[in-house]
N, C-alpha and C. Protein backbone atom coordinates (compact mmCIF):
# COMPACT_ATOMS: atom_id res chain seq x y z
N MET A 1 129.22 132.52 150.69
CA MET A 1 129.16 132.50 149.58
C MET A 1 127.73 131.77 149.46
N LYS A 2 126.81 132.41 148.44
CA LYS A 2 125.61 131.66 148.15
C LYS A 2 125.80 131.11 146.89
N GLU A 3 125.38 129.99 146.80
CA GLU A 3 125.44 129.02 145.36
C GLU A 3 124.04 129.25 144.69
N ILE A 4 124.23 129.89 143.33
CA ILE A 4 123.11 130.10 142.78
C ILE A 4 122.97 129.12 141.47
N PRO A 5 121.92 128.11 141.70
CA PRO A 5 121.73 127.28 140.44
C PRO A 5 120.99 128.07 139.16
N ILE A 6 121.62 127.78 138.13
CA ILE A 6 120.99 128.22 136.86
C ILE A 6 120.64 127.04 135.85
N LYS A 7 119.62 127.04 135.25
CA LYS A 7 119.01 126.09 134.20
C LYS A 7 120.02 125.85 133.05
N ASP A 8 120.48 126.91 132.51
CA ASP A 8 121.09 126.88 131.19
C ASP A 8 122.63 126.86 131.44
N GLU A 9 123.32 126.79 130.54
CA GLU A 9 124.91 126.81 130.30
C GLU A 9 125.51 127.90 130.87
N TYR A 10 124.92 129.00 130.55
CA TYR A 10 125.39 130.04 131.24
C TYR A 10 124.24 131.39 131.50
N ILE A 11 124.60 132.33 132.12
CA ILE A 11 123.55 133.52 132.37
C ILE A 11 124.33 134.41 132.13
N LYS A 12 123.73 135.82 131.49
CA LYS A 12 124.62 137.03 131.43
C LYS A 12 124.70 137.84 132.68
N LEU A 13 125.62 138.69 132.83
CA LEU A 13 125.70 139.36 134.25
C LEU A 13 124.60 140.10 134.54
N ASP A 14 124.12 141.02 133.82
CA ASP A 14 122.75 141.74 134.03
C ASP A 14 121.81 141.07 134.19
N GLN A 15 121.53 139.90 133.60
CA GLN A 15 120.26 138.92 133.81
C GLN A 15 120.46 138.23 135.23
N PHE A 16 121.79 138.00 135.56
CA PHE A 16 122.16 137.30 136.84
C PHE A 16 121.63 138.32 138.02
N LEU A 17 121.87 139.47 137.98
CA LEU A 17 121.71 140.52 138.88
C LEU A 17 120.28 140.62 139.17
N LYS A 18 119.58 140.44 138.02
CA LYS A 18 118.13 140.65 138.32
C LYS A 18 117.63 139.20 138.66
N PHE A 19 118.07 138.16 138.18
CA PHE A 19 117.61 136.83 138.68
C PHE A 19 117.60 136.76 140.08
N VAL A 20 118.71 137.13 140.93
CA VAL A 20 118.95 137.14 142.18
C VAL A 20 118.31 138.15 143.08
N ASN A 21 117.76 139.02 142.23
CA ASN A 21 116.98 140.24 142.77
C ASN A 21 118.15 141.33 143.76
N LEU A 22 119.15 141.38 143.07
CA LEU A 22 120.16 142.32 143.45
C LEU A 22 119.77 143.62 142.89
N VAL A 23 119.12 143.65 141.82
CA VAL A 23 118.59 144.92 140.96
C VAL A 23 117.10 144.74 140.74
N SER A 24 116.38 145.85 140.37
CA SER A 24 114.89 145.62 140.20
C SER A 24 114.73 145.67 138.73
N SER A 25 115.78 146.34 137.80
CA SER A 25 115.45 146.45 136.35
C SER A 25 116.94 146.19 135.70
N GLY A 26 116.64 146.16 134.31
CA GLY A 26 117.97 145.80 133.60
C GLY A 26 118.71 147.26 133.37
N ILE A 27 117.85 148.22 133.62
CA ILE A 27 118.53 149.85 133.66
C ILE A 27 119.37 149.84 134.63
N GLU A 28 118.86 149.40 136.06
CA GLU A 28 119.74 149.59 137.20
C GLU A 28 120.93 148.75 137.03
N ALA A 29 120.70 147.37 136.54
CA ALA A 29 121.93 146.50 136.32
C ALA A 29 122.99 147.14 135.51
N LYS A 30 122.39 147.83 134.40
CA LYS A 30 123.67 148.44 133.66
C LYS A 30 124.37 149.34 134.03
N MET A 31 123.66 150.26 134.97
CA MET A 31 124.23 151.39 135.68
C MET A 31 125.38 150.92 136.81
N ILE A 32 125.01 149.96 137.67
CA ILE A 32 126.22 149.49 138.54
C ILE A 32 127.07 148.80 137.94
N ILE A 33 126.84 148.10 136.94
CA ILE A 33 128.09 147.31 136.07
C ILE A 33 128.80 148.45 135.47
N LYS A 34 128.27 149.59 134.73
CA LYS A 34 128.96 150.53 134.34
C LYS A 34 129.79 151.39 135.40
N ASP A 35 129.35 151.45 136.59
CA ASP A 35 129.94 152.30 137.70
C ASP A 35 131.12 151.28 138.02
N GLY A 36 131.21 150.01 137.75
CA GLY A 36 132.33 149.13 138.35
C GLY A 36 132.20 148.73 139.80
N GLN A 37 130.75 148.56 139.93
CA GLN A 37 130.28 147.96 141.33
C GLN A 37 130.54 146.44 141.46
N VAL A 38 130.51 145.73 140.27
CA VAL A 38 130.48 144.30 140.34
C VAL A 38 131.89 143.77 139.83
N LYS A 39 132.19 142.83 140.67
CA LYS A 39 133.48 141.96 140.55
C LYS A 39 132.91 140.52 139.83
N VAL A 40 133.66 139.84 138.88
CA VAL A 40 133.34 138.63 138.40
C VAL A 40 134.82 137.70 138.63
N ASN A 41 134.85 136.93 139.31
CA ASN A 41 135.91 136.18 139.47
C ASN A 41 137.24 136.94 140.28
N GLY A 42 136.91 137.94 140.98
CA GLY A 42 137.78 139.12 141.55
C GLY A 42 138.18 139.99 140.79
N GLU A 43 137.61 140.54 139.50
CA GLU A 43 138.03 141.50 138.67
C GLU A 43 136.86 142.29 138.55
N VAL A 44 136.96 143.69 138.40
CA VAL A 44 135.81 144.53 138.10
C VAL A 44 135.42 144.35 136.77
N GLU A 45 134.07 143.92 136.42
CA GLU A 45 133.56 143.70 135.08
C GLU A 45 132.74 144.98 134.73
N LEU A 46 132.96 145.31 133.57
CA LEU A 46 132.09 146.26 133.04
C LEU A 46 131.01 146.01 131.70
N ARG A 47 131.17 144.82 131.58
CA ARG A 47 129.99 144.43 130.46
C ARG A 47 129.23 143.55 130.97
N ARG A 48 127.81 144.21 130.86
CA ARG A 48 126.85 143.84 131.25
C ARG A 48 126.47 142.31 130.55
N GLY A 49 126.75 142.10 129.33
CA GLY A 49 126.78 140.96 128.45
C GLY A 49 127.58 139.68 128.86
N LYS A 50 128.53 140.19 129.66
CA LYS A 50 129.59 138.92 130.10
C LYS A 50 128.87 137.66 130.44
N LYS A 51 129.29 136.59 129.92
CA LYS A 51 128.59 135.41 130.00
C LYS A 51 129.12 134.75 131.53
N LEU A 52 128.50 134.23 132.46
CA LEU A 52 128.74 133.83 133.62
C LEU A 52 128.56 132.11 133.32
N HIS A 53 129.59 131.34 133.51
CA HIS A 53 129.49 129.70 133.30
C HIS A 53 129.78 129.08 135.02
N ASP A 54 129.49 128.07 135.00
CA ASP A 54 129.55 127.26 136.22
C ASP A 54 130.84 127.38 136.71
N GLY A 55 130.85 127.79 138.07
CA GLY A 55 131.89 127.97 139.01
C GLY A 55 132.43 129.42 139.08
N ASP A 56 131.70 130.18 138.32
CA ASP A 56 132.34 131.74 138.16
C ASP A 56 131.66 132.22 139.58
N GLN A 57 132.26 133.30 139.91
CA GLN A 57 132.15 134.05 141.08
C GLN A 57 131.75 135.50 141.07
N VAL A 58 130.70 135.85 141.54
CA VAL A 58 130.31 137.18 141.32
C VAL A 58 130.21 137.99 142.79
N GLU A 59 130.74 139.17 142.81
CA GLU A 59 130.86 139.92 144.12
C GLU A 59 130.20 141.30 143.86
N PHE A 60 129.11 141.42 144.73
CA PHE A 60 128.45 142.80 144.81
C PHE A 60 128.09 143.25 146.06
N GLU A 61 128.38 144.58 146.38
CA GLU A 61 128.09 145.00 148.00
C GLU A 61 128.53 144.10 148.98
N GLY A 62 129.69 143.56 148.77
CA GLY A 62 130.36 142.59 149.91
C GLY A 62 129.79 141.19 149.87
N ASN A 63 128.88 140.98 149.00
CA ASN A 63 128.20 139.58 148.90
C ASN A 63 128.87 138.85 148.04
N PHE A 64 129.15 137.38 148.18
CA PHE A 64 129.51 136.65 147.05
C PHE A 64 128.59 135.50 146.62
N TYR A 65 128.30 135.27 145.38
CA TYR A 65 127.58 134.61 144.73
C TYR A 65 128.32 133.60 143.74
N CYS A 66 128.07 132.20 143.69
CA CYS A 66 128.96 131.22 142.83
C CYS A 66 127.86 130.73 141.95
N ILE A 67 128.06 130.53 140.65
CA ILE A 67 127.19 129.93 139.56
C ILE A 67 127.33 128.52 139.62
N ASN A 68 126.11 127.86 139.64
CA ASN A 68 126.14 126.39 139.55
C ASN A 68 125.11 125.93 138.35
N ALA A 69 125.74 125.58 137.09
CA ALA A 69 125.10 125.34 136.07
C ALA A 69 124.84 123.91 135.88
N HIS A 70 125.18 122.91 136.86
CA HIS A 70 124.90 121.73 136.92
C HIS A 70 123.64 121.32 136.99
N GLN A 71 123.17 120.39 136.18
CA GLN A 71 121.55 120.10 136.15
C GLN A 71 121.47 118.93 137.00
């Protein structure tokens, strides 16, 4: 599992996917989220605006990422 540090209290799911270079655009992020390809904390997440906070885990294409919002 890769730990991903963020500077703010939260990051939205579509922004996160772009931030870690899993997608190249917001349109691509929207499509893969809508298609149910992304899980947050073990559950399929269909909302691209889902706020990810410290400790949340994202799964995409068999890879796991953990949000670290600690400064």
